[in-house]
Amino acid sequence: MSDISIAGRAEWLADPSLQKLLALLNEGGEEARVAGGAVRNTLLGEPTGDIDIATTTLPDETIDRAERAGFKAVPTGYEHGTVTVIAGGVPHEVTTLRADVETFGRKARVRFGRDWRQDAERRDFTMNALYADADGRVIDLVGGLADLESRTIRFIGDADARIREDYLRILRFFRFFAHYGSGRPDAEGLKACARLKEGVDALSAERVWAELKKLLSAPDPSRALLWMRQSGVLTRILPESEKWGIDFIHGLVKSEGDLGWHSDPVLRLASIIPPDPVRVTAMAQRLKLSNADRDRLVAWAAAPQMKAEMSESQLARLAYRTGREGLGDRLKLALAAARARAVEDDAALLEAGNWYRLQKFLDSWDMPKFPVAGADLIAMGVPAGPKMGNLLRNLEEGWVDAGFAPDRDGLLAQAESLKGDYV
């Protein structure tokens, strides 16, 4: 037991339903504590997500007590001791204290117990092994409070052993460093990640992308990416970045803050890989990106190069013909790169101003709709078929080149005068 308390700092701890759940799990000589991320984030002053609970009650007893109190209990991970209890409409994962008997990558054969230290020592990082009782008193059995104060991401016990239990912990090491770390990463942890990096090859693509996306969502992931590069882990999971460089992400993060852009993990990914549609498509397939993320990255990679001096009307015509999303991402990255160079280059300052002008224009531009359709041409006697398609395309091309003019009546008049060439 430490002298540290989160009482008064953790609004979630005062929730009557949570207190009722903790009370019923503490009855009859049993003990329950809030565990992990909720305690860590409260101490760091960060937003909290799920409120997880560790308990000495066995899963069947957890279910029985919860249901007798009127809570819904779902055995979501029964073989590993986890029961999800819905208390006051909020789901809480309640897990029996345990120790790993044998590990199989992401899975393990566990033994239930009552030893809080043993339960703490099976977790990944010291800052993730903090507990708090119902009164808010923090229990630290592995030195997590000191590491939390210094913002050190440290494996519990032997780093190699923790990683071999689950190679996803390599990526989690860098992800937690991106969100919570300070200074240099823990040397032993970093060396262990470098030594055992081949282990990430056996991880599922979904797990790898989920961790990388969370890392790229950190306020500033640049330091974590640097150490991932130094350790060889980044090249292992993202070979596309190997000869491209990650330095550009500094400028992107600064532009996000200065210009009010939201932290965008997909745009940040684009900033550290080459704009090659073939390689981007292969990467998306390998990492099993969602269709939306894949399509966005491919559109960015395939988007044509632009010049900062181009006019808004030129950009509008280009966006109509090629699509706006890929161009929008290109513009943001070009703007961020120019702003980064502008610190020491006056010409880049002027360039950044032009990119900003174009980016703001495209952001507010509404794509016009071509006002003539095949039915209009049929009505004036143009038969359906390839010739009609050619007439429509020629009308549309001229309309775009003229700055999306004339209007529908003007276009129909043009069609009437041209239709003799297409019947």
Protein backbone atom coordinates (compact mmCIF):
# COMPACT_ATOMS: atom_id res chain seq x y z
CA MET A 1 0.00 0.00 0.00
CA SER A 2 1.35 3.44 -0.92
CA ASP A 3 0.52 6.86 0.50
CA ILE A 4 -0.84 7.87 -2.89
CA SER A 5 -4.58 8.11 -3.42
CA ILE A 6 -6.69 8.88 -6.47
CA ALA A 7 -9.74 9.69 -4.36
CA GLY A 8 -11.00 13.11 -5.43
CA ARG A 9 -9.08 12.91 -8.69
CA ALA A 10 -10.99 10.00 -10.19
CA GLU A 11 -14.61 10.95 -10.83
CA TRP A 12 -15.27 7.41 -12.05
CA LEU A 13 -14.31 6.01 -8.64
CA ALA A 14 -17.30 7.74 -7.03
CA ASP A 15 -19.78 6.05 -9.38
CA PRO A 16 -22.34 4.30 -7.14
CA SER A 17 -22.63 1.26 -9.39
CA LEU A 18 -18.86 0.76 -9.45
CA GLN A 19 -18.70 1.13 -5.67
CA LYS A 20 -21.51 -1.41 -5.30
CA LEU A 21 -19.65 -3.85 -7.57
CA LEU A 22 -16.41 -3.45 -5.63
CA ALA A 23 -18.24 -3.87 -2.33
CA LEU A 24 -19.90 -7.14 -3.32
CA LEU A 25 -16.60 -8.50 -4.64
CA ASN A 26 -14.91 -7.59 -1.34
CA GLU A 27 -17.34 -9.55 0.80
CA GLY A 28 -16.49 -12.71 2.73
CA GLY A 29 -12.73 -12.32 2.86
CA GLU A 30 -12.34 -11.72 -0.87
CA GLU A 31 -10.71 -8.64 -2.34
CA ALA A 32 -11.17 -6.57 -5.49
CA ARG A 33 -9.20 -3.63 -6.86
CA VAL A 34 -9.35 -1.42 -9.93
CA ALA A 35 -6.37 -2.39 -12.08
CA GLY A 36 -4.23 -1.00 -14.86
CA GLY A 37 -5.02 1.80 -17.25
CA ALA A 38 -7.67 3.64 -15.24
CA VAL A 39 -5.29 4.02 -12.30
CA ARG A 40 -2.35 4.92 -14.53
CA ASN A 41 -4.22 7.56 -16.53
CA THR A 42 -5.80 9.13 -13.47
CA LEU A 43 -2.36 9.58 -11.90
CA LEU A 44 -1.06 11.07 -15.16
CA GLY A 45 -4.04 13.39 -15.51
CA GLU A 46 -5.02 11.70 -18.77
CA PRO A 47 -8.55 10.71 -19.85
CA THR A 48 -9.58 7.24 -18.71
CA GLY A 49 -11.31 4.58 -20.73
CA ASP A 50 -12.42 1.20 -19.43
CA ILE A 51 -12.44 0.59 -15.68
CA ASP A 52 -11.07 -2.95 -15.22
CA ILE A 53 -11.15 -4.86 -11.95
CA ALA A 54 -8.92 -7.59 -10.54
CA THR A 55 -10.41 -9.87 -7.89
CA THR A 56 -9.67 -12.91 -5.77
CA THR A 57 -13.11 -14.36 -6.51
CA LEU A 58 -13.19 -17.20 -9.00
CA PRO A 59 -15.18 -16.60 -12.22
CA ASP A 60 -18.23 -18.57 -11.11
CA GLU A 61 -18.31 -16.68 -7.82
CA THR A 62 -17.92 -13.37 -9.67
CA ILE A 63 -20.93 -14.23 -11.85
CA ASP A 64 -23.00 -15.37 -8.88
CA ARG A 65 -22.31 -12.25 -6.81
CA ALA A 66 -22.91 -9.90 -9.74
CA GLU A 67 -26.21 -11.49 -10.70
CA ARG A 68 -27.46 -11.56 -7.09
CA ALA A 69 -26.82 -7.81 -7.00
CA GLY A 70 -28.88 -7.32 -10.16
CA PHE A 71 -25.96 -6.80 -12.53
CA LYS A 72 -25.62 -8.60 -15.84
CA ALA A 73 -22.56 -10.87 -16.04
CA VAL A 74 -21.14 -12.20 -19.32
CA PRO A 75 -18.28 -14.77 -19.31
CA THR A 76 -16.32 -13.03 -22.09
CA GLY A 77 -13.01 -14.69 -21.23
CA TYR A 78 -14.05 -17.37 -18.79
CA GLU A 79 -11.06 -19.70 -19.31
CA HIS A 80 -8.75 -16.82 -18.46
CA GLY A 81 -10.83 -15.67 -15.53
CA THR A 82 -12.52 -12.69 -17.16
CA VAL A 83 -16.19 -11.88 -16.67
CA THR A 84 -17.70 -8.67 -18.06
CA VAL A 85 -20.08 -7.19 -15.51
CA ILE A 86 -22.52 -4.50 -16.65
CA ALA A 87 -22.96 -2.17 -13.67
CA GLY A 88 -25.08 0.93 -14.10
CA GLY A 89 -24.91 0.49 -17.86
CA VAL A 90 -21.10 0.46 -17.84
CA PRO A 91 -19.19 -2.72 -18.74
CA HIS A 92 -16.30 -3.68 -16.44
CA GLU A 93 -13.93 -6.56 -17.15
CA VAL A 94 -13.55 -8.40 -13.83
CA THR A 95 -10.64 -10.83 -13.89
CA THR A 96 -9.56 -13.34 -11.27
CA LEU A 97 -5.96 -13.03 -10.05
CA ARG A 98 -3.80 -15.36 -12.08
CA ALA A 99 -0.34 -16.46 -13.07
CA ASP A 100 0.79 -17.73 -16.46
CA VAL A 101 1.58 -21.44 -16.45
CA GLU A 102 2.49 -21.53 -20.15
CA THR A 103 2.34 -18.87 -22.84
CA PHE A 104 1.49 -19.25 -26.53
CA GLY A 105 2.08 -15.83 -28.06
CA ARG A 106 -1.14 -13.88 -27.51
CA LYS A 107 -2.61 -16.78 -25.47
CA ALA A 108 -1.61 -18.37 -22.18
CA ARG A 109 -2.59 -21.23 -19.90
CA VAL A 110 -3.23 -19.63 -16.54
CA ARG A 111 -3.62 -20.69 -12.94
CA PHE A 112 -5.99 -18.74 -10.71
CA GLY A 113 -4.72 -17.60 -7.34
CA ARG A 114 -4.87 -15.04 -4.57
CA ASP A 115 -1.37 -13.56 -4.80
CA TRP A 116 -1.53 -9.91 -5.81
CA ARG A 117 2.21 -9.66 -6.44
CA GLN A 118 2.15 -12.66 -8.73
CA ASP A 119 -0.77 -11.13 -10.61
CA ALA A 120 1.14 -7.85 -10.98
CA GLU A 121 4.31 -9.57 -12.17
CA ARG A 122 2.54 -11.26 -15.09
CA ARG A 123 1.62 -7.89 -16.61
CA ASP A 124 3.72 -6.06 -19.20
CA PHE A 125 4.91 -2.67 -17.88
CA THR A 126 5.31 -1.39 -14.35
CA MET A 127 2.95 1.55 -14.91
CA ASN A 128 0.25 -0.90 -16.05
CA ALA A 129 0.46 -2.98 -12.86
CA LEU A 130 -0.92 -0.40 -10.43
CA TYR A 131 -4.06 -1.12 -8.43
CA ALA A 132 -6.45 1.06 -6.46
CA ASP A 133 -8.89 -0.09 -3.79
CA ALA A 134 -12.45 1.16 -3.41
CA ASP A 135 -11.24 4.11 -1.31
CA GLY A 136 -8.74 5.17 -3.97
CA ARG A 137 -5.56 4.06 -2.22
CA VAL A 138 -2.96 3.05 -4.81
CA ILE A 139 -1.16 -0.27 -4.47
CA ASP A 140 2.21 -0.55 -6.22
CA LEU A 141 3.99 -3.91 -6.09
CA VAL A 142 6.48 -3.53 -8.95
CA GLY A 143 7.81 0.04 -8.83
CA GLY A 144 5.20 1.49 -11.14
CA LEU A 145 4.74 4.77 -9.29
CA ALA A 146 8.40 5.78 -9.67
CA ASP A 147 8.33 4.91 -13.36
CA LEU A 148 5.07 6.78 -13.78
CA GLU A 149 6.61 9.88 -12.20
CA SER A 150 9.61 9.73 -14.55
CA ARG A 151 7.43 8.57 -17.46
CA THR A 152 9.57 5.49 -17.99
CA ILE A 153 8.07 2.58 -19.90
CA ARG A 154 9.71 -0.38 -18.17
CA PHE A 155 9.04 -4.09 -18.57
CA ILE A 156 8.27 -5.90 -15.33
CA GLY A 157 11.17 -8.17 -14.41
CA ASP A 158 13.20 -9.56 -17.29
CA ALA A 159 12.36 -7.71 -20.52
CA ASP A 160 13.26 -10.65 -22.77
CA ALA A 161 11.01 -12.97 -20.80
CA ARG A 162 8.07 -10.55 -20.93
CA ILE A 163 8.47 -10.16 -24.70
CA ARG A 164 8.76 -13.88 -25.35
CA GLU A 165 5.46 -14.34 -23.54
CA ASP A 166 3.82 -12.08 -26.12
CA TYR A 167 5.72 -10.44 -28.99
CA LEU A 168 3.01 -7.82 -29.33
CA ARG A 169 4.65 -6.25 -26.28
CA ILE A 170 7.42 -4.98 -28.56
CA LEU A 171 4.94 -2.76 -30.37
CA ARG A 172 3.18 -1.87 -27.12
CA PHE A 173 6.53 -0.71 -25.69
CA PHE A 174 6.84 1.90 -28.42
CA ARG A 175 3.13 2.75 -28.41
CA PHE A 176 3.18 3.45 -24.65
CA PHE A 177 6.38 5.43 -25.08
CA ALA A 178 4.65 7.56 -27.73
CA HIS A 179 1.73 8.31 -25.42
CA TYR A 180 3.32 8.39 -21.97
CA GLY A 181 7.11 8.26 -22.26
CA SER A 182 9.67 10.99 -21.74
CA GLY A 183 13.33 11.37 -22.64
CA ARG A 184 14.97 8.21 -23.95
CA PRO A 185 13.28 4.81 -23.76
CA ASP A 186 14.36 2.42 -21.03
CA ALA A 187 17.68 1.00 -22.28
CA GLU A 188 17.03 -2.61 -21.30
CA GLY A 189 13.58 -2.59 -22.83
CA LEU A 190 14.88 -1.03 -26.05
CA LYS A 191 17.69 -3.57 -26.35
CA ALA A 192 15.28 -6.44 -25.75
CA CYS A 193 12.95 -5.14 -28.47
CA ALA A 194 15.87 -4.92 -30.90
CA ARG A 195 17.10 -8.41 -30.03
CA LEU A 196 13.72 -10.04 -30.39
CA LYS A 197 12.22 -7.97 -33.22
CA GLU A 198 11.88 -11.01 -35.51
CA GLY A 199 9.12 -12.18 -33.19
CA VAL A 200 6.73 -9.56 -34.59
CA ASP A 201 6.67 -11.50 -37.86
CA ALA A 202 4.38 -14.06 -36.24
CA LEU A 203 1.82 -11.46 -35.13
CA SER A 204 -1.43 -11.10 -37.02
CA ALA A 205 -1.63 -8.19 -39.44
CA GLU A 206 -4.68 -6.84 -37.62
CA ARG A 207 -2.76 -6.65 -34.33
CA VAL A 208 0.23 -4.96 -35.94
CA TRP A 209 -1.87 -2.29 -37.66
CA ALA A 210 -3.98 -1.73 -34.53
CA GLU A 211 -0.84 -1.00 -32.48
CA LEU A 212 0.76 1.12 -35.19
CA LYS A 213 -2.43 3.14 -35.65
CA LYS A 214 -2.65 3.78 -31.89
CA LEU A 215 0.99 4.85 -31.87
CA LEU A 216 0.43 7.20 -34.81
CA SER A 217 -2.55 8.68 -32.93
CA ALA A 218 -0.33 9.88 -30.06
CA PRO A 219 0.01 13.65 -29.66
CA ASP A 220 3.56 13.42 -31.06
CA PRO A 221 4.69 9.98 -32.23
CA SER A 222 7.97 11.19 -33.75
CA ARG A 223 10.27 10.14 -30.89
CA ALA A 224 8.75 6.67 -30.73
CA LEU A 225 9.14 6.26 -34.49
CA LEU A 226 12.77 7.33 -34.23
CA TRP A 227 13.52 4.64 -31.66
CA MET A 228 11.54 2.09 -33.64
CA ARG A 229 13.75 2.93 -36.60
CA GLN A 230 16.94 2.73 -34.51
CA SER A 231 15.98 -0.67 -33.11
CA GLY A 232 14.99 -2.10 -36.50
CA VAL A 233 11.40 -2.67 -35.42
CA LEU A 234 9.89 -0.08 -37.77
CA THR A 235 11.52 -1.59 -40.83
CA ARG A 236 10.32 -5.00 -39.67
CA ILE A 237 6.65 -4.00 -39.67
CA LEU A 238 6.77 -1.18 -42.24
CA PRO A 239 9.53 -1.88 -44.78
CA GLU A 240 8.08 0.83 -47.03
CA SER A 241 9.49 3.43 -44.64
CA GLU A 242 13.06 2.11 -44.74
CA LYS A 243 14.53 4.35 -47.45
CA TRP A 244 11.96 7.11 -47.25
CA GLY A 245 12.59 8.68 -43.85
CA ILE A 246 10.50 9.63 -40.85
CA ASP A 247 11.84 13.14 -40.21
CA PHE A 248 8.94 14.75 -42.05
CA ILE A 249 6.49 13.76 -39.34
CA HIS A 250 7.90 16.51 -37.06
CA GLY A 251 6.64 19.18 -39.45
CA LEU A 252 3.29 17.47 -39.85
CA VAL A 253 2.71 17.27 -36.10
CA LYS A 254 3.63 20.96 -35.71
CA SER A 255 1.28 21.97 -38.52
CA GLU A 256 -1.52 19.96 -36.93
CA GLY A 257 -1.09 21.96 -33.74
CA ASP A 258 -0.62 25.34 -35.40
CA LEU A 259 -3.42 24.99 -37.95
CA GLY A 260 -5.97 23.15 -35.83
CA TRP A 261 -5.90 19.88 -37.79
CA HIS A 262 -6.90 16.78 -35.87
CA SER A 263 -4.28 14.11 -35.23
CA ASP A 264 -4.69 11.87 -38.26
CA PRO A 265 -2.91 8.49 -38.08
CA VAL A 266 -3.56 7.69 -41.75
CA LEU A 267 -2.10 11.00 -42.94
CA ARG A 268 0.84 10.48 -40.59
CA LEU A 269 1.38 7.04 -42.11
CA ALA A 270 1.37 8.62 -45.57
CA SER A 271 4.06 11.04 -44.43
CA ILE A 272 6.57 8.25 -43.74
CA ILE A 273 6.05 6.07 -46.85
CA PRO A 274 6.67 6.78 -50.55
CA PRO A 275 3.67 7.82 -52.69
CA ASP A 276 3.81 4.70 -54.85
CA PRO A 277 0.33 3.28 -55.59
CA VAL A 278 1.65 -0.24 -56.19
CA ARG A 279 3.62 -0.38 -52.92
CA VAL A 280 0.83 1.32 -50.99
CA THR A 281 -1.69 -1.22 -52.26
CA ALA A 282 0.59 -4.09 -51.28
CA MET A 283 1.14 -2.55 -47.84
CA ALA A 284 -2.60 -2.14 -47.31
CA GLN A 285 -3.15 -5.79 -48.20
CA ARG A 286 -0.34 -6.96 -45.92
CA LEU A 287 -1.55 -4.95 -42.93
CA LYS A 288 -5.21 -5.68 -43.74
CA LEU A 289 -6.21 -2.04 -43.60
CA SER A 290 -9.89 -1.20 -43.80
CA ASN A 291 -11.24 -0.48 -47.27
CA ALA A 292 -11.61 3.18 -46.34
CA ASP A 293 -8.00 3.53 -45.13
CA ARG A 294 -6.70 1.60 -48.14
CA ASP A 295 -8.66 3.65 -50.65
CA ARG A 296 -7.59 6.90 -49.05
CA LEU A 297 -3.90 6.00 -49.09
CA VAL A 298 -4.03 4.75 -52.68
CA ALA A 299 -5.83 7.96 -53.74
CA TRP A 300 -3.09 9.99 -52.04
CA ALA A 301 -0.32 7.96 -53.67
CA ALA A 302 -1.92 8.20 -57.12
CA ALA A 303 -2.79 11.92 -56.90
CA PRO A 304 -0.85 14.08 -59.39
CA GLN A 305 1.86 16.44 -58.27
CA MET A 306 0.82 20.07 -57.93
CA LYS A 307 2.60 23.40 -58.02
CA ALA A 308 2.18 25.85 -55.18
CA GLU A 309 1.66 28.68 -57.68
CA MET A 310 -1.34 27.07 -59.38
CA SER A 311 -4.63 28.95 -59.31
CA GLU A 312 -7.74 27.93 -57.44
CA SER A 313 -9.54 27.37 -60.76
CA GLN A 314 -6.77 25.03 -61.91
CA LEU A 315 -7.02 23.12 -58.65
CA ALA A 316 -10.80 22.89 -58.97
CA ARG A 317 -10.52 21.38 -62.44
CA LEU A 318 -7.87 18.93 -61.23
CA ALA A 319 -9.97 17.93 -58.22
CA TYR A 320 -13.02 17.34 -60.40
CA ARG A 321 -11.07 15.04 -62.69
CA THR A 322 -9.00 13.11 -60.15
CA GLY A 323 -11.01 13.29 -56.90
CA ARG A 324 -10.50 15.64 -53.99
CA GLU A 325 -9.41 13.37 -51.11
CA GLY A 326 -6.05 12.34 -52.53
CA LEU A 327 -5.30 15.93 -53.50
CA GLY A 328 -6.35 17.14 -50.05
CA ASP A 329 -3.85 14.86 -48.36
CA ARG A 330 -1.15 15.87 -50.83
CA LEU A 331 -1.82 19.53 -50.11
CA LYS A 332 -1.64 19.06 -46.35
CA LEU A 333 1.65 17.22 -46.56
CA ALA A 334 3.10 19.79 -48.99
CA LEU A 335 2.00 22.62 -46.70
CA ALA A 336 3.52 20.95 -43.63
CA ALA A 337 6.80 20.32 -45.46
CA ALA A 338 7.03 23.93 -46.65
CA ARG A 339 6.25 25.28 -43.19
CA ALA A 340 9.03 23.14 -41.73
CA ARG A 341 11.54 24.49 -44.28
CA ALA A 342 10.30 28.07 -43.83
CA VAL A 343 12.10 28.31 -40.49
CA GLU A 344 15.35 28.79 -42.40
CA ASP A 345 14.19 29.51 -45.96
CA ASP A 346 12.29 32.64 -46.98
CA ALA A 347 11.30 31.10 -50.31
CA ALA A 348 9.67 28.21 -48.46
CA LEU A 349 7.65 30.76 -46.48
CA LEU A 350 6.13 32.07 -49.71
CA GLU A 351 5.57 28.50 -50.89
CA ALA A 352 3.82 27.64 -47.63
CA GLY A 353 1.50 30.60 -48.10
CA ASN A 354 0.49 29.31 -51.52
CA TRP A 355 -0.06 25.76 -50.27
CA TYR A 356 -2.18 27.18 -47.44
CA ARG A 357 -4.26 29.16 -49.96
CA LEU A 358 -4.88 26.04 -52.04
CA GLN A 359 -5.58 23.83 -49.05
CA LYS A 360 -8.15 26.26 -47.65
CA PHE A 361 -9.81 26.58 -51.06
CA LEU A 362 -10.12 22.82 -51.57
CA ASP A 363 -11.36 22.36 -48.01
CA SER A 364 -14.32 24.67 -48.65
CA TRP A 365 -14.89 23.84 -52.34
CA ASP A 366 -18.11 22.08 -53.31
CA MET A 367 -17.67 19.80 -56.32
CA PRO A 368 -20.18 20.81 -59.00
CA LYS A 369 -22.46 18.27 -60.66
CA PHE A 370 -22.48 18.03 -64.44
CA PRO A 371 -26.04 19.12 -65.28
CA VAL A 372 -26.64 17.03 -68.42
CA ALA A 373 -27.36 13.30 -68.59
CA GLY A 374 -27.88 10.68 -71.27
CA ALA A 375 -31.65 11.01 -70.99
CA ASP A 376 -31.37 14.65 -72.08
CA LEU A 377 -29.54 13.65 -75.26
CA ILE A 378 -31.98 10.84 -76.02
CA ALA A 379 -34.82 13.36 -75.73
CA MET A 380 -33.21 15.45 -78.47
CA GLY A 381 -32.81 12.45 -80.78
CA VAL A 382 -29.30 11.18 -80.02
CA PRO A 383 -29.41 7.37 -79.94
CA ALA A 384 -27.99 5.54 -76.94
CA GLY A 385 -24.59 3.98 -77.51
CA PRO A 386 -20.89 4.80 -77.79
CA LYS A 387 -21.46 7.93 -79.86
CA MET A 388 -23.77 9.40 -77.25
CA GLY A 389 -21.16 8.61 -74.60
CA ASN A 390 -18.55 10.45 -76.63
CA LEU A 391 -20.82 13.49 -76.96
CA LEU A 392 -21.45 13.55 -73.22
CA ARG A 393 -17.73 13.30 -72.47
CA ASN A 394 -16.87 16.09 -74.90
CA LEU A 395 -19.56 18.32 -73.42
CA GLU A 396 -18.31 17.63 -69.90
CA GLU A 397 -14.64 18.21 -70.79
CA GLY A 398 -15.49 21.55 -72.35
CA TRP A 399 -17.64 22.45 -69.35
CA VAL A 400 -14.79 21.69 -66.94
CA ASP A 401 -12.21 23.56 -69.04
CA ALA A 402 -14.50 26.60 -69.08
CA GLY A 403 -14.66 26.66 -65.30
CA PHE A 404 -17.84 24.58 -65.01
CA ALA A 405 -19.79 26.71 -67.44
CA PRO A 406 -22.16 27.16 -69.20
CA ASP A 407 -25.28 26.15 -67.29
CA ARG A 408 -27.67 23.36 -68.26
CA ASP A 409 -29.49 25.40 -70.92
CA GLY A 410 -26.21 26.43 -72.50
CA LEU A 411 -24.96 22.84 -72.55
CA LEU A 412 -28.16 21.60 -74.13
CA ALA A 413 -27.81 24.27 -76.80
CA GLN A 414 -24.27 23.06 -77.48
CA ALA A 415 -25.50 19.48 -77.67
CA GLU A 416 -28.19 20.46 -80.16
CA SER A 417 -25.60 22.08 -82.42
CA LEU A 418 -23.20 19.14 -82.16
CA LYS A 419 -25.59 16.19 -82.26
CA GLY A 420 -25.36 15.85 -86.03
CA ASP A 421 -21.82 14.57 -85.63
CA TYR A 422 -22.95 11.84 -83.20
CA VAL A 423 -26.01 10.26 -84.85
